[in-house]
Amino acid sequence: MSGLYTLLTESERYSAKDALQKGLPSKQVESWKYLPSRTLNRTNWVSASHRESTGFALNGGRFANLPLCDGLSTSTHSSLNPSEIARLENIASAHGFSLAQDALNTDCLLLEVMKLAEVRIDLSRLANNASEAGFATLVIRVGEGARLLLIEQFEDVPRSQPNLDSLRILADVSRNGEMKHLRFQTANDHAQVFTEIAVDISENGHYNLHTIDFGAKLSRTDIEIRLSAEQASTKINGLAVTNGSQYHDTHLAVEHRVGDTQSAMTFRNMVDGKGEATFNGRVLIEKNAQRSATEQSVGNLLLSKKARVNPKPELEIYADDVTASHGCTVGSLNQNELFYLKSRGISETDARAFLQYAFAAKLVELIEDAEIRELVESRLLGELKHGELISELKESVHV
């Protein structure tokens, strides 16, 4: 079947049989047709091993050093309610990889933010060892009027062979609650990183996601957001910087199930070398979701002749009274802007680097956490290899 065959045959869960029968999604599956699955299929994966760590971490497919703070409770899979169990089962049935995730899941943690509490959680996703695969599920409840800041950071340590890390996040934002979610993906050059995020938002609830992809050989993120009550809203910002033969893949679906709901998404893909990026953003506004509003902006910058990008923004609207806008661009650096910078005495190489920075900086500036914003800025300048020059130019040229 695939590189997960041995692990699935050893699993006693019923979903393992379904996963073996269905197999991993092929290129005939629309949402997986661009994903380079060769390494995923051919690696002889073994279960991830645990290693010493500090702080709250996803470590070898298990959660370690659980967070302890006022307003937060932790428990296991046995504490899930019927709705959460049903949602997880529905996600698992989506395709073969989701079935495999369900069958090979080694840990399920429930985090509950109490009513009116304000909590920050920092989660480190540690790199698995060579040929190791780890699978885990995190369920989050944000109570009524509560505030949660979840920050995911990925460990960037060298690995000589493929390693796989897959995390499924299921979240429920209650009435007047807010969840801010920041992902900073800097996994090693051989990593296969999979993330599934499913969020349900209640009345006047808010979910804001900021996802940044720099690392990994292959990174796949599936995001599904349901606006289930009036005044529910979501804002999703994403930046992917892809070099070499990296592949970054984001699939986002937002459902406006009722009226007076709002969504906005802004994504930027910057692709160089033989890299490839895919973005599929789908917004569904159902028939009874009157007075809903959605905005969608997707920008793609190709920096080499072999770079590839696969953008697919979608709007599916069944209501009459809505406000909707979307835009998608694909191109190389603006020649007029290059000419302007060169006319100011800047070399073409430096001018190109500065325009690349300006393209990505619009997303970096939106990161609210100052420490993470500085880390992202530093990584971006390092990728462009013109950090000192760009810093000087920022003082004299409006970005």
Protein backbone atom coordinates (compact mmCIF):
# COMPACT_ATOMS: atom_id res chain seq x y z
CA MET A 1 0.00 0.00 0.00
CA SER A 2 2.44 2.66 1.22
CA GLY A 3 5.24 3.40 3.62
CA LEU A 4 2.65 3.32 6.42
CA TYR A 5 1.65 -0.25 5.59
CA THR A 6 3.59 -1.94 8.40
CA LEU A 7 2.34 0.47 11.06
CA LEU A 8 -1.26 0.04 9.89
CA THR A 9 -1.09 -3.76 9.86
CA GLU A 10 0.16 -3.66 13.47
CA SER A 11 -2.71 -1.42 14.58
CA GLU A 12 -5.72 -3.10 16.17
CA ARG A 13 -8.08 -0.21 15.43
CA TYR A 14 -10.91 -0.76 13.00
CA SER A 15 -9.96 2.38 11.07
CA ALA A 16 -6.63 0.72 10.21
CA LYS A 17 -8.46 -1.82 8.08
CA ASP A 18 -10.29 0.99 6.30
CA ALA A 19 -7.03 2.85 5.76
CA LEU A 20 -5.34 -0.23 4.32
CA GLN A 21 -8.26 -0.82 2.01
CA LYS A 22 -8.58 2.78 0.87
CA GLY A 23 -4.87 3.57 0.63
CA LEU A 24 -3.33 7.02 0.68
CA PRO A 25 -4.91 9.59 -1.64
CA SER A 26 -3.60 9.43 -5.19
CA LYS A 27 -3.20 12.23 -7.70
CA GLN A 28 -6.70 11.36 -8.93
CA VAL A 29 -8.03 12.98 -5.74
CA GLU A 30 -8.44 16.67 -6.59
CA SER A 31 -7.16 18.02 -3.27
CA TRP A 32 -4.07 15.79 -3.40
CA LYS A 33 -3.18 15.87 -7.08
CA TYR A 34 -0.15 18.16 -6.67
CA LEU A 35 1.25 16.62 -3.50
CA PRO A 36 4.58 14.79 -4.11
CA SER A 37 3.94 11.59 -2.18
CA ARG A 38 6.97 9.55 -3.28
CA THR A 39 8.90 9.87 0.00
CA LEU A 40 5.72 9.42 2.03
CA ASN A 41 4.90 6.21 0.17
CA ARG A 42 8.38 4.71 -0.03
CA THR A 43 9.77 5.32 3.46
CA ASN A 44 9.53 2.35 5.82
CA TRP A 45 8.06 4.31 8.70
CA VAL A 46 8.41 3.18 12.31
CA SER A 47 6.62 4.51 15.39
CA ALA A 48 8.15 7.69 16.77
CA SER A 49 10.20 7.46 19.96
CA HIS A 50 10.07 9.80 22.94
CA ARG A 51 13.05 11.91 24.00
CA GLU A 52 13.78 14.35 26.80
CA SER A 53 12.22 17.79 26.41
CA THR A 54 11.28 20.89 28.36
CA GLY A 55 8.06 22.85 28.09
CA PHE A 56 4.77 21.73 26.55
CA ALA A 57 5.71 19.70 23.49
CA LEU A 58 4.49 17.22 20.90
CA ASN A 59 7.26 14.71 21.32
CA GLY A 60 7.37 11.41 19.44
CA GLY A 61 3.63 11.47 18.78
CA ARG A 62 2.81 12.20 22.42
CA PHE A 63 2.25 15.36 24.44
CA ALA A 64 4.81 16.02 27.12
CA ASN A 65 5.02 18.48 30.02
CA LEU A 66 1.35 19.45 29.95
CA PRO A 67 0.67 23.16 30.51
CA LEU A 68 -0.37 24.20 34.00
CA CYS A 69 -1.94 27.60 34.52
CA ASP A 70 -5.00 29.26 36.02
CA GLY A 71 -8.13 28.91 33.93
CA LEU A 72 -6.92 25.82 32.04
CA SER A 73 -7.75 22.15 32.59
CA THR A 74 -6.27 19.11 30.87
CA SER A 75 -7.72 15.65 30.36
CA THR A 76 -7.62 12.68 28.00
CA HIS A 77 -9.72 11.22 25.20
CA SER A 78 -12.17 9.73 27.69
CA SER A 79 -13.44 13.24 28.48
CA LEU A 80 -14.53 14.08 24.93
CA ASN A 81 -18.23 14.78 24.45
CA PRO A 82 -20.36 13.06 21.76
CA SER A 83 -20.16 16.08 19.45
CA GLU A 84 -16.35 16.10 19.54
CA ILE A 85 -16.19 12.35 18.94
CA ALA A 86 -18.56 12.66 15.98
CA ARG A 87 -16.53 15.51 14.48
CA LEU A 88 -13.30 13.55 14.80
CA GLU A 89 -14.92 10.53 13.14
CA ASN A 90 -16.16 12.74 10.31
CA ILE A 91 -12.68 14.20 9.76
CA ALA A 92 -11.16 10.71 9.77
CA SER A 93 -13.43 9.58 6.93
CA ALA A 94 -12.33 12.38 4.58
CA HIS A 95 -9.59 10.38 2.80
CA GLY A 96 -7.00 7.65 3.25
CA PHE A 97 -4.43 9.75 5.09
CA SER A 98 -7.03 10.91 7.62
CA LEU A 99 -7.99 7.28 8.20
CA ALA A 100 -4.32 6.45 8.72
CA GLN A 101 -4.00 9.34 11.18
CA ASP A 102 -6.98 8.01 13.11
CA ALA A 103 -5.58 4.49 13.20
CA LEU A 104 -2.04 5.47 14.17
CA ASN A 105 -2.93 8.24 16.62
CA THR A 106 -0.94 7.62 19.81
CA ASP A 107 -2.19 10.47 22.00
CA CYS A 108 -5.30 12.60 22.37
CA LEU A 109 -5.21 15.59 24.73
CA LEU A 110 -8.14 17.80 25.73
CA LEU A 111 -7.41 21.37 26.80
CA GLU A 112 -10.29 23.44 28.20
CA VAL A 113 -10.06 27.18 28.78
CA MET A 114 -12.56 28.09 31.48
CA LYS A 115 -15.25 30.76 31.18
CA LEU A 116 -13.79 34.31 31.05
CA ALA A 117 -10.22 33.02 31.52
CA GLU A 118 -7.24 34.35 29.54
CA VAL A 119 -4.64 31.72 28.69
CA ARG A 120 -1.49 31.49 26.59
CA ILE A 121 -0.22 28.08 25.47
CA ASP A 122 3.15 27.55 23.77
CA LEU A 123 3.41 24.21 21.98
CA SER A 124 6.72 22.95 20.58
CA ARG A 125 6.49 20.38 17.80
CA LEU A 126 9.74 18.45 18.15
CA ALA A 127 11.38 16.72 15.21
CA ASN A 128 11.07 12.95 15.09
CA ASN A 129 14.13 10.82 14.37
CA ALA A 130 14.98 9.33 10.99
CA SER A 131 12.12 7.27 9.47
CA GLU A 132 9.95 7.86 12.52
CA ALA A 133 6.29 8.84 12.22
CA GLY A 134 4.24 10.38 15.02
CA PHE A 135 0.47 11.06 15.09
CA ALA A 136 -1.49 12.96 17.74
CA THR A 137 -4.77 14.81 18.33
CA LEU A 138 -5.33 18.00 20.31
CA VAL A 139 -8.89 19.00 21.28
CA ILE A 140 -9.46 22.53 22.54
CA ARG A 141 -12.50 24.09 24.20
CA VAL A 142 -12.54 27.85 24.57
CA GLY A 143 -15.19 28.68 27.15
CA GLU A 144 -17.74 31.48 27.06
CA GLY A 145 -16.01 34.86 27.04
CA ALA A 146 -12.57 33.19 27.32
CA ARG A 147 -9.39 34.18 25.46
CA LEU A 148 -6.78 31.72 24.21
CA LEU A 149 -3.47 32.40 22.49
CA LEU A 150 -1.98 29.18 21.03
CA ILE A 151 1.52 29.41 19.60
CA GLU A 152 3.00 26.46 17.70
CA GLN A 153 6.71 26.46 17.00
CA PHE A 154 8.58 23.72 15.16
CA GLU A 155 11.99 22.45 16.16
CA ASP A 156 14.61 23.01 13.47
CA VAL A 157 17.27 20.34 13.98
CA PRO A 158 19.10 18.47 11.21
CA ARG A 159 17.85 15.06 10.16
CA SER A 160 19.55 12.91 7.51
CA GLN A 161 16.44 10.91 6.62
CA PRO A 162 12.68 11.54 6.24
CA ASN A 163 10.72 12.06 9.46
CA LEU A 164 6.96 12.53 9.81
CA ASP A 165 4.92 14.61 12.25
CA SER A 166 1.12 14.75 12.00
CA LEU A 167 -1.15 16.70 14.34
CA ARG A 168 -4.93 17.04 14.25
CA ILE A 169 -6.41 20.03 16.12
CA LEU A 170 -10.13 20.19 16.88
CA ALA A 171 -11.34 23.42 18.49
CA ASP A 172 -14.65 24.79 19.73
CA VAL A 173 -14.92 28.54 20.41
CA SER A 174 -17.91 29.29 22.65
CA ARG A 175 -20.11 32.39 22.77
CA ASN A 176 -18.05 35.61 23.04
CA GLY A 177 -14.85 33.54 23.10
CA GLU A 178 -11.68 34.24 21.14
CA MET A 179 -8.89 31.98 19.96
CA LYS A 180 -5.72 33.34 18.37
CA HIS A 181 -3.56 30.68 16.77
CA LEU A 182 -0.03 31.27 15.48
CA ARG A 183 1.94 28.58 13.63
CA PHE A 184 5.64 29.10 12.83
CA GLN A 185 6.76 26.10 10.78
CA THR A 186 10.54 25.74 10.54
CA ALA A 187 10.90 21.94 10.43
CA ASN A 188 14.06 20.26 9.14
CA ASP A 189 14.85 19.75 5.44
CA HIS A 190 13.67 16.10 5.44
CA ALA A 191 10.49 16.57 7.46
CA GLN A 192 7.02 15.58 6.28
CA VAL A 193 4.66 17.80 8.29
CA PHE A 194 0.88 17.33 8.30
CA THR A 195 -1.59 19.49 10.22
CA GLU A 196 -5.38 19.34 10.29
CA ILE A 197 -7.27 22.18 11.96
CA ALA A 198 -11.06 22.08 12.44
CA VAL A 199 -12.73 24.96 14.30
CA ASP A 200 -16.38 25.56 15.16
CA ILE A 201 -17.28 29.12 16.22
CA SER A 202 -20.35 30.10 18.21
CA GLU A 203 -22.20 33.42 18.63
CA ASN A 204 -19.87 36.43 18.59
CA GLY A 205 -16.89 34.08 18.76
CA HIS A 206 -13.65 34.77 16.92
CA TYR A 207 -10.84 32.60 15.55
CA ASN A 208 -7.72 34.20 14.11
CA LEU A 209 -5.02 32.04 12.50
CA HIS A 210 -1.59 33.18 11.34
CA THR A 211 0.39 30.40 9.68
CA ILE A 212 4.00 30.77 8.48
CA ASP A 213 5.75 28.04 6.47
CA PHE A 214 9.51 28.14 5.94
CA GLY A 215 10.68 24.59 6.67
CA ALA A 216 10.01 20.93 5.81
CA LYS A 217 10.48 18.98 2.63
CA LEU A 218 6.71 18.58 2.49
CA SER A 219 4.20 20.57 4.53
CA ARG A 220 0.45 19.98 4.23
CA THR A 221 -2.11 22.01 6.22
CA ASP A 222 -5.86 21.37 6.06
CA ILE A 223 -8.05 24.00 7.72
CA GLU A 224 -11.83 23.80 8.11
CA ILE A 225 -13.70 26.59 9.88
CA ARG A 226 -17.45 26.65 10.59
CA LEU A 227 -19.19 29.92 11.45
CA SER A 228 -22.17 28.40 13.25
CA ALA A 229 -23.88 31.38 14.92
CA GLU A 230 -24.51 35.07 14.29
CA GLN A 231 -21.58 37.46 14.60
CA ALA A 232 -19.09 34.60 14.45
CA SER A 233 -15.96 35.62 12.58
CA THR A 234 -12.60 34.35 11.42
CA LYS A 235 -9.45 35.87 9.96
CA ILE A 236 -6.73 33.71 8.39
CA ASN A 237 -3.34 35.00 7.27
CA GLY A 238 -0.69 32.79 5.69
CA LEU A 239 2.82 33.07 4.29
CA ALA A 240 4.80 30.28 2.61
CA VAL A 241 8.43 30.77 1.55
CA THR A 242 9.46 27.82 -0.60
CA ASN A 243 12.98 27.07 -1.89
CA GLY A 244 14.94 24.18 -3.37
CA SER A 245 12.55 21.27 -3.92
CA GLN A 246 10.24 22.08 -0.99
CA TYR A 247 6.48 21.66 -1.30
CA HIS A 248 4.03 23.70 0.79
CA ASP A 249 0.32 22.89 0.55
CA THR A 250 -2.59 24.70 2.24
CA HIS A 251 -6.26 23.74 1.89
CA LEU A 252 -8.70 26.09 3.60
CA ALA A 253 -12.49 25.82 3.78
CA VAL A 254 -14.74 28.34 5.55
CA GLU A 255 -18.47 27.67 5.96
CA HIS A 256 -20.88 30.53 6.69
CA ARG A 257 -23.74 28.47 8.12
CA VAL A 258 -25.87 31.35 9.41
CA GLY A 259 -26.29 35.04 8.69
CA ASP A 260 -24.31 38.01 10.00
CA THR A 261 -20.97 36.19 9.94
CA GLN A 262 -17.62 37.42 8.64
CA SER A 263 -14.48 35.82 7.22
CA ALA A 264 -11.27 37.12 5.69
CA MET A 265 -8.22 35.34 4.32
CA THR A 266 -4.92 36.74 3.06
CA PHE A 267 -2.22 34.39 1.76
CA ARG A 268 1.15 34.93 0.12
CA ASN A 269 3.30 32.25 -1.55
CA MET A 270 6.89 33.09 -2.51
CA VAL A 271 8.45 30.24 -4.49
CA ASP A 272 12.05 29.91 -5.66
CA GLY A 273 14.28 27.17 -7.11
CA LYS A 274 12.32 24.02 -7.95
CA GLY A 275 9.90 24.67 -5.13
CA GLU A 276 6.14 24.33 -5.41
CA ALA A 277 3.25 25.78 -3.43
CA THR A 278 -0.47 24.97 -3.52
CA PHE A 279 -3.24 27.05 -2.03
CA ASN A 280 -6.90 26.08 -2.19
CA GLY A 281 -9.19 28.52 -0.38
CA ARG A 282 -12.92 27.75 -0.47
CA VAL A 283 -15.65 29.88 1.09
CA LEU A 284 -19.21 28.54 1.28
CA ILE A 285 -22.08 30.88 2.15
CA GLU A 286 -25.22 28.84 2.68
CA LYS A 287 -28.73 29.91 1.64
CA ASN A 288 -29.80 31.12 5.08
CA ALA A 289 -26.52 32.96 5.74
CA GLN A 290 -27.81 36.39 4.74
CA ARG A 291 -25.77 39.54 5.44
CA SER A 292 -22.55 37.52 5.58
CA ALA A 293 -19.29 39.07 4.41
CA THR A 294 -16.09 37.49 3.12
CA GLU A 295 -12.80 38.75 1.70
CA GLN A 296 -10.15 36.67 -0.03
CA SER A 297 -6.72 37.79 -1.24
CA VAL A 298 -4.11 35.39 -2.59
CA GLY A 299 -0.75 36.55 -3.97
CA ASN A 300 1.86 34.28 -5.58
CA LEU A 301 5.41 35.33 -6.45
CA LEU A 302 7.50 33.09 -8.73
CA LEU A 303 11.23 33.71 -8.48
CA SER A 304 12.62 31.13 -10.89
CA LYS A 305 11.64 29.49 -14.15
CA LYS A 306 11.23 26.11 -12.45
CA ALA A 307 9.14 27.36 -9.53
CA ARG A 308 5.47 26.31 -9.55
CA VAL A 309 2.35 27.52 -7.82
CA ASN A 310 -1.17 26.08 -7.85
CA PRO A 311 -3.69 28.65 -6.58
CA LYS A 312 -7.39 27.84 -6.44
CA PRO A 313 -9.59 30.41 -4.67
CA GLU A 314 -13.28 29.47 -4.60
CA LEU A 315 -16.49 31.25 -3.65
CA GLU A 316 -19.72 29.27 -3.41
CA ILE A 317 -22.62 31.57 -2.53
CA TYR A 318 -26.29 30.60 -2.14
CA ALA A 319 -27.52 33.66 -0.20
CA ASP A 320 -28.72 36.88 -1.86
CA ASP A 321 -27.64 39.53 0.62
CA VAL A 322 -23.87 39.12 0.99
CA THR A 323 -20.67 41.09 0.60
CA ALA A 324 -17.93 39.11 -1.10
CA SER A 325 -14.63 39.95 -2.75
CA HIS A 326 -11.68 37.90 -3.90
CA GLY A 327 -8.48 38.40 -5.80
CA CYS A 328 -5.67 36.11 -6.92
CA THR A 329 -2.41 37.11 -8.59
CA VAL A 330 0.47 35.06 -9.99
CA GLY A 331 3.60 36.70 -11.33
CA SER A 332 7.24 37.59 -10.99
CA LEU A 333 8.82 40.74 -9.56
CA ASN A 334 7.42 44.03 -10.85
CA GLN A 335 9.78 45.37 -13.50
CA ASN A 336 8.82 49.01 -12.89
CA GLU A 337 9.64 48.67 -9.21
CA LEU A 338 12.95 46.99 -10.09
CA PHE A 339 13.78 49.83 -12.47
CA TYR A 340 12.98 52.42 -9.80
CA LEU A 341 15.26 50.83 -7.22
CA LYS A 342 18.07 50.37 -9.76
CA SER A 343 17.74 54.04 -10.73
CA ARG A 344 18.48 54.86 -7.10
CA GLY A 345 21.86 53.15 -7.37
CA ILE A 346 20.83 49.74 -6.00
CA SER A 347 22.13 46.65 -7.78
CA GLU A 348 19.61 44.34 -9.44
CA THR A 349 20.41 41.52 -7.01
CA ASP A 350 19.82 43.74 -4.00
CA ALA A 351 16.71 45.29 -5.56
CA ARG A 352 15.20 41.86 -6.17
CA ALA A 353 15.86 40.84 -2.59
CA PHE A 354 14.22 44.00 -1.28
CA LEU A 355 11.08 43.50 -3.39
CA GLN A 356 10.84 39.90 -2.21
CA TYR A 357 11.03 41.14 1.36
CA ALA A 358 8.32 43.74 0.71
CA PHE A 359 6.03 41.06 -0.73
CA ALA A 360 6.30 38.92 2.40
CA ALA A 361 6.61 41.70 4.98
CA LYS A 362 2.94 42.64 4.66
CA LEU A 363 2.06 39.30 6.29
CA VAL A 364 4.86 39.44 8.86
CA GLU A 365 3.69 42.83 10.12
CA LEU A 366 0.29 41.34 10.97
CA ILE A 367 1.79 39.00 13.58
CA GLU A 368 0.68 40.41 16.94
CA ASP A 369 3.18 38.58 19.16
CA ALA A 370 6.35 40.70 19.07
CA GLU A 371 8.74 37.85 19.89
CA ILE A 372 7.42 35.58 17.13
CA ARG A 373 7.26 38.48 14.70
CA GLU A 374 10.98 39.14 15.29
CA LEU A 375 11.79 35.44 14.80
CA VAL A 376 9.87 35.35 11.52
CA GLU A 377 11.50 38.58 10.36
CA SER A 378 14.95 37.21 11.18
CA ARG A 379 14.25 33.95 9.32
CA LEU A 380 12.91 35.84 6.31
CA LEU A 381 15.97 38.08 6.13
CA GLY A 382 18.18 35.02 6.46
CA GLU A 383 16.39 33.29 3.59
CA LEU A 384 16.92 36.35 1.37
CA LYS A 385 20.59 36.63 2.43
CA HIS A 386 20.43 40.42 2.21
CA GLY A 387 19.34 41.18 5.75
CA GLU A 388 21.63 44.11 6.55
CA LEU A 389 20.95 45.86 3.24
CA ILE A 390 17.18 45.40 3.55
CA SER A 391 17.22 46.79 7.06
CA GLU A 392 18.97 49.91 5.76
CA LEU A 393 16.61 50.27 2.79
CA LYS A 394 13.56 50.01 5.06
CA GLU A 395 14.58 53.28 6.64
CA SER A 396 14.54 55.15 3.32
CA VAL A 397 12.00 53.31 1.14
CA HIS A 398 8.38 52.68 2.09
CA VAL A 399 7.67 48.93 2.18
